[in-house]
Amino acid sequence: MQGHKKFNPQLFYELSLDGLVPQDNFYRKVNRELEFGFLYSETKKYYGTEGQQSIDPVVFFKILLVGYLNNINSDRALLRYCSNCLDVRLFLGYDLNEELPWHSTISRTRQLLNMY
């Protein structure tokens, strides 16, 4: 007899992003091997002391690294990719329910740091 799969979505799920991404994942290895903390002191001069909180410089550079490694040139496409990939979300430090920075934030931060 031919089977027919029915999809019954659950209302609540108990899951962890950490549990969904394998331990030998590439971005996990990058996160273990590279220290990004120096970026805070290197970029401090570009940020003011008042106003809205900006994008975390480590997150910004990790997003650029993901774009470079995956040959993604468009900020919109890059953030779409980051949003859809669980391993990249874990690498960036964003959980499933957290919204990633907007593409315009990435563009403005590039301009701020003269990266064009």
PDB file of N, CA and C in Angstrom:
ATOM      1  N   MET A   1       0.845  -1.174   0.000  1.00  0.00           N
ATOM      2  CA  MET A   1       0.000   0.000   0.000  1.00  0.00           C
ATOM      3  C   MET A   1       0.893   1.241   0.000  1.00  0.00           C
ATOM      4  N   GLN A   2       0.520   2.197  -0.782  1.00  0.00           N
ATOM      5  CA  GLN A   2       1.297   3.433  -0.885  1.00  0.00           C
ATOM      6  C   GLN A   2       1.022   4.320   0.321  1.00  0.00           C
ATOM      7  N   GLY A   3       2.095   4.785   0.931  1.00  0.00           N
ATOM      8  CA  GLY A   3       1.957   5.665   2.088  1.00  0.00           C
ATOM      9  C   GLY A   3       1.779   7.116   1.663  1.00  0.00           C
ATOM     10  N   HIS A   4       1.180   7.878   2.538  1.00  0.00           N
ATOM     11  CA  HIS A   4       0.997   9.310   2.285  1.00  0.00           C
ATOM     12  C   HIS A   4       1.328  10.049   3.574  1.00  0.00           C
ATOM     13  N   LYS A   5       2.396  10.805   3.569  1.00  0.00           N
ATOM     14  CA  LYS A   5       2.865  11.528   4.764  1.00  0.00           C
ATOM     15  C   LYS A   5       1.984  12.725   5.017  1.00  0.00           C
ATOM     16  N   LYS A   6       1.482  12.815   6.224  1.00  0.00           N
ATOM     17  CA  LYS A   6       0.703  13.986   6.631  1.00  0.00           C
ATOM     18  C   LYS A   6       1.572  14.844   7.536  1.00  0.00           C
ATOM     19  N   PHE A   7       1.518  16.134   7.330  1.00  0.00           N
ATOM     20  CA  PHE A   7       2.285  17.059   8.158  1.00  0.00           C
ATOM     21  C   PHE A   7       1.359  17.664   9.190  1.00  0.00           C
ATOM     22  N   ASN A   8       1.672  17.422  10.455  1.00  0.00           N
ATOM     23  CA  ASN A   8       0.917  17.990  11.565  1.00  0.00           C
ATOM     24  C   ASN A   8       1.860  18.851  12.390  1.00  0.00           C
ATOM     25  N   PRO A   9       1.897  20.157  12.109  1.00  0.00           N
ATOM     26  CA  PRO A   9       2.829  21.017  12.851  1.00  0.00           C
ATOM     27  C   PRO A   9       2.453  21.113  14.324  1.00  0.00           C
ATOM     28  N   GLN A  10       3.477  21.072  15.158  1.00  0.00           N
ATOM     29  CA  GLN A  10       3.267  21.227  16.592  1.00  0.00           C
ATOM     30  C   GLN A  10       3.223  22.708  16.921  1.00  0.00           C
ATOM     31  N   LEU A  11       2.561  23.004  18.014  1.00  0.00           N
ATOM     32  CA  LEU A  11       2.482  24.386  18.449  1.00  0.00           C
ATOM     33  C   LEU A  11       3.776  24.816  19.133  1.00  0.00           C
ATOM     34  N   PHE A  12       4.367  23.919  19.914  1.00  0.00           N
ATOM     35  CA  PHE A  12       5.601  24.225  20.635  1.00  0.00           C
ATOM     36  C   PHE A  12       6.641  23.147  20.354  1.00  0.00           C
ATOM     37  N   TYR A  13       7.881  23.592  20.245  1.00  0.00           N
ATOM     38  CA  TYR A  13       8.998  22.679  20.045  1.00  0.00           C
ATOM     39  C   TYR A  13      10.028  22.936  21.126  1.00  0.00           C
ATOM     40  N   GLU A  14      10.679  21.891  21.548  1.00  0.00           N
ATOM     41  CA  GLU A  14      11.788  22.047  22.477  1.00  0.00           C
ATOM     42  C   GLU A  14      13.057  21.719  21.704  1.00  0.00           C
ATOM     43  N   LEU A  15      13.777  22.748  21.319  1.00  0.00           N
ATOM     44  CA  LEU A  15      15.005  22.517  20.572  1.00  0.00           C
ATOM     45  C   LEU A  15      16.029  23.574  20.921  1.00  0.00           C
ATOM     46  N   SER A  16      17.247  23.245  20.600  1.00  0.00           N
ATOM     47  CA  SER A  16      18.362  24.137  20.882  1.00  0.00           C
ATOM     48  C   SER A  16      19.179  24.294  19.607  1.00  0.00           C
ATOM     49  N   LEU A  17      19.524  25.511  19.288  1.00  0.00           N
ATOM     50  CA  LEU A  17      20.357  25.760  18.113  1.00  0.00           C
ATOM     51  C   LEU A  17      21.689  25.033  18.259  1.00  0.00           C
ATOM     52  N   ASP A  18      22.208  25.016  19.459  1.00  0.00           N
ATOM     53  CA  ASP A  18      23.465  24.324  19.738  1.00  0.00           C
ATOM     54  C   ASP A  18      23.347  22.831  19.429  1.00  0.00           C
ATOM     55  N   GLY A  19      22.191  22.254  19.708  1.00  0.00           N
ATOM     56  CA  GLY A  19      21.983  20.834  19.446  1.00  0.00           C
ATOM     57  C   GLY A  19      21.734  20.516  17.983  1.00  0.00           C
ATOM     58  N   LEU A  20      21.317  21.494  17.211  1.00  0.00           N
ATOM     59  CA  LEU A  20      21.010  21.264  15.798  1.00  0.00           C
ATOM     60  C   LEU A  20      22.240  21.336  14.894  1.00  0.00           C
ATOM     61  N   VAL A  21      23.279  22.007  15.349  1.00  0.00           N
ATOM     62  CA  VAL A  21      24.489  22.177  14.534  1.00  0.00           C
ATOM     63  C   VAL A  21      25.542  21.171  15.009  1.00  0.00           C
ATOM     64  N   PRO A  22      26.046  20.320  14.102  1.00  0.00           N
ATOM     65  CA  PRO A  22      27.043  19.312  14.491  1.00  0.00           C
ATOM     66  C   PRO A  22      28.309  19.937  15.086  1.00  0.00           C
ATOM     67  N   GLN A  23      28.952  19.208  15.964  1.00  0.00           N
ATOM     68  CA  GLN A  23      30.159  19.697  16.634  1.00  0.00           C
ATOM     69  C   GLN A  23      31.320  19.910  15.661  1.00  0.00           C
ATOM     70  N   ASP A  24      31.352  19.160  14.566  1.00  0.00           N
ATOM     71  CA  ASP A  24      32.454  19.297  13.605  1.00  0.00           C
ATOM     72  C   ASP A  24      32.131  20.280  12.475  1.00  0.00           C
ATOM     73  N   ASN A  25      31.126  21.107  12.653  1.00  0.00           N
ATOM     74  CA  ASN A  25      30.730  22.097  11.657  1.00  0.00           C
ATOM     75  C   ASN A  25      31.853  23.110  11.417  1.00  0.00           C
ATOM     76  N   PHE A  26      31.980  23.562  10.173  1.00  0.00           N
ATOM     77  CA  PHE A  26      33.040  24.498   9.799  1.00  0.00           C
ATOM     78  C   PHE A  26      33.008  25.771  10.640  1.00  0.00           C
ATOM     79  N   TYR A  27      31.834  26.375  10.787  1.00  0.00           N
ATOM     80  CA  TYR A  27      31.750  27.638  11.524  1.00  0.00           C
ATOM     81  C   TYR A  27      32.014  27.453  13.014  1.00  0.00           C
ATOM     82  N   ARG A  28      31.714  26.281  13.543  1.00  0.00           N
ATOM     83  CA  ARG A  28      32.087  25.995  14.939  1.00  0.00           C
ATOM     84  C   ARG A  28      33.612  25.978  15.070  1.00  0.00           C
ATOM     85  N   LYS A  29      34.266  25.372  14.090  1.00  0.00           N
ATOM     86  CA  LYS A  29      35.733  25.309  14.103  1.00  0.00           C
ATOM     87  C   LYS A  29      36.336  26.709  13.996  1.00  0.00           C
ATOM     88  N   VAL A  30      35.783  27.526  13.122  1.00  0.00           N
ATOM     89  CA  VAL A  30      36.273  28.902  12.974  1.00  0.00           C
ATOM     90  C   VAL A  30      36.118  29.649  14.290  1.00  0.00           C
ATOM     91  N   ASN A  31      34.982  29.497  14.932  1.00  0.00           N
ATOM     92  CA  ASN A  31      34.717  30.180  16.200  1.00  0.00           C
ATOM     93  C   ASN A  31      35.678  29.727  17.295  1.00  0.00           C
ATOM     94  N   ARG A  32      36.034  28.440  17.278  1.00  0.00           N
ATOM     95  CA  ARG A  32      36.976  27.926  18.282  1.00  0.00           C
ATOM     96  C   ARG A  32      38.399  28.411  18.025  1.00  0.00           C
ATOM     97  N   GLU A  33      38.773  28.516  16.761  1.00  0.00           N
ATOM     98  CA  GLU A  33      40.163  28.809  16.408  1.00  0.00           C
ATOM     99  C   GLU A  33      40.501  30.298  16.355  1.00  0.00           C
ATOM    100  N   LEU A  34      39.541  31.134  16.009  1.00  0.00           N
ATOM    101  CA  LEU A  34      39.809  32.567  15.868  1.00  0.00           C
ATOM    102  C   LEU A  34      39.287  33.335  17.071  1.00  0.00           C
ATOM    103  N   GLU A  35      40.050  34.314  17.503  1.00  0.00           N
ATOM    104  CA  GLU A  35      39.650  35.195  18.603  1.00  0.00           C
ATOM    105  C   GLU A  35      39.249  36.530  17.988  1.00  0.00           C
ATOM    106  N   PHE A  36      37.990  36.893  18.146  1.00  0.00           N
ATOM    107  CA  PHE A  36      37.467  38.117  17.545  1.00  0.00           C
ATOM    108  C   PHE A  36      37.420  39.286  18.522  1.00  0.00           C
ATOM    109  N   GLY A  37      37.775  39.079  19.767  1.00  0.00           N
ATOM    110  CA  GLY A  37      37.666  40.106  20.798  1.00  0.00           C
ATOM    111  C   GLY A  37      38.458  41.371  20.520  1.00  0.00           C
ATOM    112  N   PHE A  38      39.551  41.268  19.782  1.00  0.00           N
ATOM    113  CA  PHE A  38      40.385  42.442  19.485  1.00  0.00           C
ATOM    114  C   PHE A  38      39.629  43.486  18.672  1.00  0.00           C
ATOM    115  N   LEU A  39      38.561  43.081  18.006  1.00  0.00           N
ATOM    116  CA  LEU A  39      37.802  44.014  17.164  1.00  0.00           C
ATOM    117  C   LEU A  39      37.154  45.129  17.969  1.00  0.00           C
ATOM    118  N   TYR A  40      36.836  44.864  19.233  1.00  0.00           N
ATOM    119  CA  TYR A  40      36.218  45.905  20.062  1.00  0.00           C
ATOM    120  C   TYR A  40      37.167  47.093  20.243  1.00  0.00           C
ATOM    121  N   SER A  41      38.419  46.806  20.554  1.00  0.00           N
ATOM    122  CA  SER A  41      39.371  47.905  20.756  1.00  0.00           C
ATOM    123  C   SER A  41      39.763  48.563  19.430  1.00  0.00           C
ATOM    124  N   GLU A  42      39.836  47.785  18.367  1.00  0.00           N
ATOM    125  CA  GLU A  42      40.233  48.322  17.063  1.00  0.00           C
ATOM    126  C   GLU A  42      39.168  49.229  16.443  1.00  0.00           C
ATOM    127  N   THR A  43      37.906  49.000  16.771  1.00  0.00           N
ATOM    128  CA  THR A  43      36.830  49.783  16.155  1.00  0.00           C
ATOM    129  C   THR A  43      36.222  50.817  17.093  1.00  0.00           C
ATOM    130  N   LYS A  44      36.695  50.885  18.315  1.00  0.00           N
ATOM    131  CA  LYS A  44      36.103  51.786  19.319  1.00  0.00           C
ATOM    132  C   LYS A  44      36.093  53.243  18.860  1.00  0.00           C
ATOM    133  N   LYS A  45      37.129  53.679  18.157  1.00  0.00           N
ATOM    134  CA  LYS A  45      37.241  55.079  17.734  1.00  0.00           C
ATOM    135  C   LYS A  45      36.171  55.480  16.716  1.00  0.00           C
ATOM    136  N   TYR A  46      35.524  54.507  16.087  1.00  0.00           N
ATOM    137  CA  TYR A  46      34.507  54.798  15.082  1.00  0.00           C
ATOM    138  C   TYR A  46      33.109  54.971  15.667  1.00  0.00           C
ATOM    139  N   TYR A  47      32.963  54.704  16.954  1.00  0.00           N
ATOM    140  CA  TYR A  47      31.646  54.730  17.585  1.00  0.00           C
ATOM    141  C   TYR A  47      31.562  55.839  18.619  1.00  0.00           C
ATOM    142  N   GLY A  48      30.389  56.467  18.696  1.00  0.00           N
ATOM    143  CA  GLY A  48      30.150  57.512  19.682  1.00  0.00           C
ATOM    144  C   GLY A  48      29.802  56.918  21.039  1.00  0.00           C
ATOM    145  N   THR A  49      29.629  57.799  22.012  1.00  0.00           N
ATOM    146  CA  THR A  49      29.297  57.346  23.365  1.00  0.00           C
ATOM    147  C   THR A  49      27.817  57.518  23.676  1.00  0.00           C
ATOM    148  N   GLU A  50      27.086  58.199  22.809  1.00  0.00           N
ATOM    149  CA  GLU A  50      25.662  58.436  23.036  1.00  0.00           C
ATOM    150  C   GLU A  50      24.861  57.932  21.843  1.00  0.00           C
ATOM    151  N   GLY A  51      23.557  57.857  22.025  1.00  0.00           N
ATOM    152  CA  GLY A  51      22.676  57.449  20.937  1.00  0.00           C
ATOM    153  C   GLY A  51      22.324  55.982  21.011  1.00  0.00           C
ATOM    154  N   GLN A  52      21.742  55.504  19.926  1.00  0.00           N
ATOM    155  CA  GLN A  52      21.326  54.111  19.862  1.00  0.00           C
ATOM    156  C   GLN A  52      22.527  53.183  19.834  1.00  0.00           C
ATOM    157  N   GLN A  53      22.312  51.998  20.379  1.00  0.00           N
ATOM    158  CA  GLN A  53      23.378  51.002  20.358  1.00  0.00           C
ATOM    159  C   GLN A  53      23.563  50.502  18.925  1.00  0.00           C
ATOM    160  N   SER A  54      24.805  50.348  18.526  1.00  0.00           N
ATOM    161  CA  SER A  54      25.118  49.943  17.158  1.00  0.00           C
ATOM    162  C   SER A  54      25.199  48.424  17.062  1.00  0.00           C
ATOM    163  N   ILE A  55      25.460  47.972  15.850  1.00  0.00           N
ATOM    164  CA  ILE A  55      25.712  46.557  15.639  1.00  0.00           C
ATOM    165  C   ILE A  55      27.026  46.191  16.323  1.00  0.00           C
ATOM    166  N   ASP A  56      27.077  45.029  16.904  1.00  0.00           N
ATOM    167  CA  ASP A  56      28.292  44.525  17.544  1.00  0.00           C
ATOM    168  C   ASP A  56      29.375  44.382  16.467  1.00  0.00           C
ATOM    169  N   PRO A  57      30.552  44.977  16.661  1.00  0.00           N
ATOM    170  CA  PRO A  57      31.604  44.888  15.640  1.00  0.00           C
ATOM    171  C   PRO A  57      32.009  43.451  15.318  1.00  0.00           C
ATOM    172  N   VAL A  58      31.976  42.581  16.309  1.00  0.00           N
ATOM    173  CA  VAL A  58      32.323  41.176  16.060  1.00  0.00           C
ATOM    174  C   VAL A  58      31.283  40.544  15.140  1.00  0.00           C
ATOM    175  N   VAL A  59      30.015  40.813  15.392  1.00  0.00           N
ATOM    176  CA  VAL A  59      28.948  40.287  14.534  1.00  0.00           C
ATOM    177  C   VAL A  59      29.105  40.836  13.119  1.00  0.00           C
ATOM    178  N   PHE A  60      29.398  42.122  13.005  1.00  0.00           N
ATOM    179  CA  PHE A  60      29.585  42.740  11.690  1.00  0.00           C
ATOM    180  C   PHE A  60      30.697  42.037  10.905  1.00  0.00           C
ATOM    181  N   PHE A  61      31.836  41.845  11.521  1.00  0.00           N
ATOM    182  CA  PHE A  61      32.951  41.215  10.809  1.00  0.00           C
ATOM    183  C   PHE A  61      32.698  39.736  10.540  1.00  0.00           C
ATOM    184  N   LYS A  62      31.969  39.071  11.426  1.00  0.00           N
ATOM    185  CA  LYS A  62      31.611  37.674  11.162  1.00  0.00           C
ATOM    186  C   LYS A  62      30.671  37.587   9.963  1.00  0.00           C
ATOM    187  N   ILE A  63      29.734  38.525   9.858  1.00  0.00           N
ATOM    188  CA  ILE A  63      28.831  38.552   8.702  1.00  0.00           C
ATOM    189  C   ILE A  63      29.634  38.768   7.421  1.00  0.00           C
ATOM    190  N   LEU A  64      30.591  39.689   7.451  1.00  0.00           N
ATOM    191  CA  LEU A  64      31.438  39.916   6.271  1.00  0.00           C
ATOM    192  C   LEU A  64      32.259  38.674   5.933  1.00  0.00           C
ATOM    193  N   LEU A  65      32.742  37.975   6.949  1.00  0.00           N
ATOM    194  CA  LEU A  65      33.510  36.749   6.726  1.00  0.00           C
ATOM    195  C   LEU A  65      32.642  35.684   6.059  1.00  0.00           C
ATOM    196  N   VAL A  66      31.410  35.538   6.518  1.00  0.00           N
ATOM    197  CA  VAL A  66      30.481  34.583   5.905  1.00  0.00           C
ATOM    198  C   VAL A  66      30.251  34.955   4.442  1.00  0.00           C
ATOM    199  N   GLY A  67      30.075  36.233   4.159  1.00  0.00           N
ATOM    200  CA  GLY A  67      29.890  36.682   2.782  1.00  0.00           C
ATOM    201  C   GLY A  67      31.100  36.387   1.918  1.00  0.00           C
ATOM    202  N   TYR A  68      32.285  36.612   2.454  1.00  0.00           N
ATOM    203  CA  TYR A  68      33.519  36.353   1.710  1.00  0.00           C
ATOM    204  C   TYR A  68      33.677  34.857   1.428  1.00  0.00           C
ATOM    205  N   LEU A  69      33.464  34.037   2.452  1.00  0.00           N
ATOM    206  CA  LEU A  69      33.649  32.589   2.306  1.00  0.00           C
ATOM    207  C   LEU A  69      32.632  31.958   1.353  1.00  0.00           C
ATOM    208  N   ASN A  70      31.471  32.578   1.235  1.00  0.00           N
ATOM    209  CA  ASN A  70      30.415  32.027   0.386  1.00  0.00           C
ATOM    210  C   ASN A  70      30.217  32.824  -0.900  1.00  0.00           C
ATOM    211  N   ASN A  71      31.124  33.776  -1.153  1.00  0.00           N
ATOM    212  CA  ASN A  71      31.094  34.585  -2.373  1.00  0.00           C
ATOM    213  C   ASN A  71      29.742  35.276  -2.569  1.00  0.00           C
ATOM    214  N   ILE A  72      29.267  35.915  -1.504  1.00  0.00           N
ATOM    215  CA  ILE A  72      28.000  36.646  -1.553  1.00  0.00           C
ATOM    216  C   ILE A  72      28.329  38.135  -1.515  1.00  0.00           C
ATOM    217  N   ASN A  73      27.980  38.857  -2.566  1.00  0.00           N
ATOM    218  CA  ASN A  73      28.337  40.270  -2.683  1.00  0.00           C
ATOM    219  C   ASN A  73      27.230  41.221  -2.254  1.00  0.00           C
ATOM    220  N   SER A  74      26.001  40.781  -2.293  1.00  0.00           N
ATOM    221  CA  SER A  74      24.860  41.630  -1.949  1.00  0.00           C
ATOM    222  C   SER A  74      24.568  41.528  -0.452  1.00  0.00           C
ATOM    223  N   ASP A  75      24.388  42.677   0.199  1.00  0.00           N
ATOM    224  CA  ASP A  75      24.076  42.663   1.634  1.00  0.00           C
ATOM    225  C   ASP A  75      22.728  42.004   1.905  1.00  0.00           C
ATOM    226  N   ARG A  76      21.766  42.228   1.030  1.00  0.00           N
ATOM    227  CA  ARG A  76      20.454  41.583   1.194  1.00  0.00           C
ATOM    228  C   ARG A  76      20.582  40.068   1.101  1.00  0.00           C
ATOM    229  N   ALA A  77      21.294  39.599   0.077  1.00  0.00           N
ATOM    230  CA  ALA A  77      21.476  38.156  -0.101  1.00  0.00           C
ATOM    231  C   ALA A  77      22.282  37.568   1.052  1.00  0.00           C
ATOM    232  N   LEU A  78      23.261  38.305   1.514  1.00  0.00           N
ATOM    233  CA  LEU A  78      24.094  37.840   2.622  1.00  0.00           C
ATOM    234  C   LEU A  78      23.266  37.648   3.887  1.00  0.00           C
ATOM    235  N   LEU A  79      22.433  38.617   4.215  1.00  0.00           N
ATOM    236  CA  LEU A  79      21.623  38.496   5.425  1.00  0.00           C
ATOM    237  C   LEU A  79      20.526  37.455   5.271  1.00  0.00           C
ATOM    238  N   ARG A  80      20.031  37.260   4.074  1.00  0.00           N
ATOM    239  CA  ARG A  80      19.073  36.180   3.828  1.00  0.00           C
ATOM    240  C   ARG A  80      19.753  34.837   4.075  1.00  0.00           C
ATOM    241  N   TYR A  81      20.981  34.696   3.590  1.00  0.00           N
ATOM    242  CA  TYR A  81      21.747  33.468   3.798  1.00  0.00           C
ATOM    243  C   TYR A  81      22.012  33.244   5.289  1.00  0.00           C
ATOM    244  N   CYS A  82      22.446  34.291   5.970  1.00  0.00           N
ATOM    245  CA  CYS A  82      22.728  34.191   7.409  1.00  0.00           C
ATOM    246  C   CYS A  82      21.480  33.820   8.196  1.00  0.00           C
ATOM    247  N   SER A  83      20.360  34.340   7.786  1.00  0.00           N
ATOM    248  CA  SER A  83      19.102  34.076   8.477  1.00  0.00           C
ATOM    249  C   SER A  83      18.641  32.637   8.287  1.00  0.00           C
ATOM    250  N   ASN A  84      18.911  32.073   7.124  1.00  0.00           N
ATOM    251  CA  ASN A  84      18.413  30.738   6.791  1.00  0.00           C
ATOM    252  C   ASN A  84      19.320  29.604   7.244  1.00  0.00           C
ATOM    253  N   CYS A  85      20.573  29.868   7.518  1.00  0.00           N
ATOM    254  CA  CYS A  85      21.530  28.810   7.871  1.00  0.00           C
ATOM    255  C   CYS A  85      21.712  28.736   9.383  1.00  0.00           C
ATOM    256  N   LEU A  86      21.383  27.597   9.941  1.00  0.00           N
ATOM    257  CA  LEU A  86      21.475  27.433  11.391  1.00  0.00           C
ATOM    258  C   LEU A  86      22.910  27.545  11.883  1.00  0.00           C
ATOM    259  N   ASP A  87      23.857  26.978  11.138  1.00  0.00           N
ATOM    260  CA  ASP A  87      25.251  27.035  11.580  1.00  0.00           C
ATOM    261  C   ASP A  87      25.778  28.467  11.582  1.00  0.00           C
ATOM    262  N   VAL A  88      25.342  29.267  10.627  1.00  0.00           N
ATOM    263  CA  VAL A  88      25.773  30.664  10.577  1.00  0.00           C
ATOM    264  C   VAL A  88      25.140  31.449  11.719  1.00  0.00           C
ATOM    265  N   ARG A  89      23.878  31.181  12.008  1.00  0.00           N
ATOM    266  CA  ARG A  89      23.219  31.843  13.145  1.00  0.00           C
ATOM    267  C   ARG A  89      23.979  31.553  14.437  1.00  0.00           C
ATOM    268  N   LEU A  90      24.375  30.310  14.628  1.00  0.00           N
ATOM    269  CA  LEU A  90      25.142  29.944  15.821  1.00  0.00           C
ATOM    270  C   LEU A  90      26.485  30.667  15.827  1.00  0.00           C
ATOM    271  N   PHE A  91      27.148  30.731  14.685  1.00  0.00           N
ATOM    272  CA  PHE A  91      28.427  31.419  14.542  1.00  0.00           C
ATOM    273  C   PHE A  91      28.302  32.899  14.904  1.00  0.00           C
ATOM    274  N   LEU A  92      27.198  33.515  14.490  1.00  0.00           N
ATOM    275  CA  LEU A  92      26.981  34.938  14.763  1.00  0.00           C
ATOM    276  C   LEU A  92      26.491  35.198  16.180  1.00  0.00           C
ATOM    277  N   GLY A  93      25.990  34.164  16.842  1.00  0.00           N
ATOM    278  CA  GLY A  93      25.468  34.328  18.194  1.00  0.00           C
ATOM    279  C   GLY A  93      24.013  34.763  18.225  1.00  0.00           C
ATOM    280  N   TYR A  94      23.267  34.439  17.184  1.00  0.00           N
ATOM    281  CA  TYR A  94      21.847  34.778  17.105  1.00  0.00           C
ATOM    282  C   TYR A  94      21.016  33.506  17.193  1.00  0.00           C
ATOM    283  N   ASP A  95      20.087  33.476  18.136  1.00  0.00           N
ATOM    284  CA  ASP A  95      19.211  32.323  18.287  1.00  0.00           C
ATOM    285  C   ASP A  95      18.121  32.362  17.215  1.00  0.00           C
ATOM    286  N   LEU A  96      17.323  31.308  17.149  1.00  0.00           N
ATOM    287  CA  LEU A  96      16.290  31.195  16.122  1.00  0.00           C
ATOM    288  C   LEU A  96      15.257  32.311  16.172  1.00  0.00           C
ATOM    289  N   ASN A  97      14.958  32.784  17.361  1.00  0.00           N
ATOM    290  CA  ASN A  97      13.915  33.801  17.506  1.00  0.00           C
ATOM    291  C   ASN A  97      14.455  35.230  17.449  1.00  0.00           C
ATOM    292  N   GLU A  98      15.746  35.404  17.262  1.00  0.00           N
ATOM    293  CA  GLU A  98      16.346  36.739  17.204  1.00  0.00           C
ATOM    294  C   GLU A  98      16.442  37.227  15.760  1.00  0.00           C
ATOM    295  N   GLU A  99      16.146  38.499  15.585  1.00  0.00           N
ATOM    296  CA  GLU A  99      16.235  39.110  14.262  1.00  0.00           C
ATOM    297  C   GLU A  99      17.671  39.564  14.007  1.00  0.00           C
ATOM    298  N   LEU A 100      18.190  39.231  12.843  1.00  0.00           N
ATOM    299  CA  LEU A 100      19.530  39.670  12.463  1.00  0.00           C
ATOM    300  C   LEU A 100      19.499  41.147  12.088  1.00  0.00           C
ATOM    301  N   PRO A 101      20.665  41.790  12.045  1.00  0.00           N
ATOM    302  CA  PRO A 101      20.706  43.204  11.633  1.00  0.00           C
ATOM    303  C   PRO A 101      20.144  43.367  10.219  1.00  0.00           C
ATOM    304  N   TRP A 102      19.652  44.545   9.926  1.00  0.00           N
ATOM    305  CA  TRP A 102      19.129  44.828   8.590  1.00  0.00           C
ATOM    306  C   TRP A 102      20.280  45.018   7.613  1.00  0.00           C
ATOM    307  N   HIS A 103      19.996  44.799   6.350  1.00  0.00           N
ATOM    308  CA  HIS A 103      21.021  44.970   5.313  1.00  0.00           C
ATOM    309  C   HIS A 103      21.528  46.405   5.285  1.00  0.00           C
ATOM    310  N   SER A 104      20.663  47.363   5.574  1.00  0.00           N
ATOM    311  CA  SER A 104      21.092  48.765   5.563  1.00  0.00           C
ATOM    312  C   SER A 104      22.077  49.054   6.700  1.00  0.00           C
ATOM    313  N   THR A 105      21.942  48.342   7.801  1.00  0.00           N
ATOM    314  CA  THR A 105      22.891  48.494   8.911  1.00  0.00           C
ATOM    315  C   THR A 105      24.275  48.028   8.483  1.00  0.00           C
ATOM    316  N   ILE A 106      24.328  46.943   7.743  1.00  0.00           N
ATOM    317  CA  ILE A 106      25.612  46.433   7.243  1.00  0.00           C
ATOM    318  C   ILE A 106      26.225  47.459   6.287  1.00  0.00           C
ATOM    319  N   SER A 107      25.419  47.999   5.378  1.00  0.00           N
ATOM    320  CA  SER A 107      25.923  48.993   4.418  1.00  0.00           C
ATOM    321  C   SER A 107      26.438  50.243   5.113  1.00  0.00           C
ATOM    322  N   ARG A 108      25.674  50.748   6.087  1.00  0.00           N
ATOM    323  CA  ARG A 108      26.095  51.964   6.798  1.00  0.00           C
ATOM    324  C   ARG A 108      27.361  51.715   7.615  1.00  0.00           C
ATOM    325  N   THR A 109      27.474  50.543   8.205  1.00  0.00           N
ATOM    326  CA  THR A 109      28.671  50.237   8.998  1.00  0.00           C
ATOM    327  C   THR A 109      29.888  50.119   8.093  1.00  0.00           C
ATOM    328  N   ARG A 110      29.715  49.555   6.906  1.00  0.00           N
ATOM    329  CA  ARG A 110      30.819  49.512   5.934  1.00  0.00           C
ATOM    330  C   ARG A 110      31.293  50.922   5.606  1.00  0.00           C
ATOM    331  N   GLN A 111      30.340  51.834   5.392  1.00  0.00           N
ATOM    332  CA  GLN A 111      30.692  53.220   5.079  1.00  0.00           C
ATOM    333  C   GLN A 111      31.397  53.877   6.262  1.00  0.00           C
ATOM    334  N   LEU A 112      30.907  53.618   7.460  1.00  0.00           N
ATOM    335  CA  LEU A 112      31.506  54.184   8.666  1.00  0.00           C
ATOM    336  C   LEU A 112      32.968  53.771   8.796  1.00  0.00           C
ATOM    337  N   LEU A 113      33.248  52.522   8.476  1.00  0.00           N
ATOM    338  CA  LEU A 113      34.604  51.992   8.613  1.00  0.00           C
ATOM    339  C   LEU A 113      35.421  52.128   7.329  1.00  0.00           C
ATOM    340  N   ASN A 114      34.894  52.842   6.330  1.00  0.00           N
ATOM    341  CA  ASN A 114      35.584  53.036   5.040  1.00  0.00           C
ATOM    342  C   ASN A 114      36.015  51.713   4.419  1.00  0.00           C
ATOM    343  N   MET A 115      35.077  50.792   4.291  1.00  0.00           N
ATOM    344  CA  MET A 115      35.397  49.465   3.767  1.00  0.00           C
ATOM    345  C   MET A 115      34.962  49.284   2.319  1.00  0.00           C
ATOM    346  N   TYR A 116      34.583  50.348   1.624  1.00  0.00           N
ATOM    347  CA  TYR A 116      34.186  50.223   0.213  1.00  0.00           C
ATOM    348  C   TYR A 116      35.362  50.442  -0.674  1.00  0.00           C
TER     349      TYR A 116
END
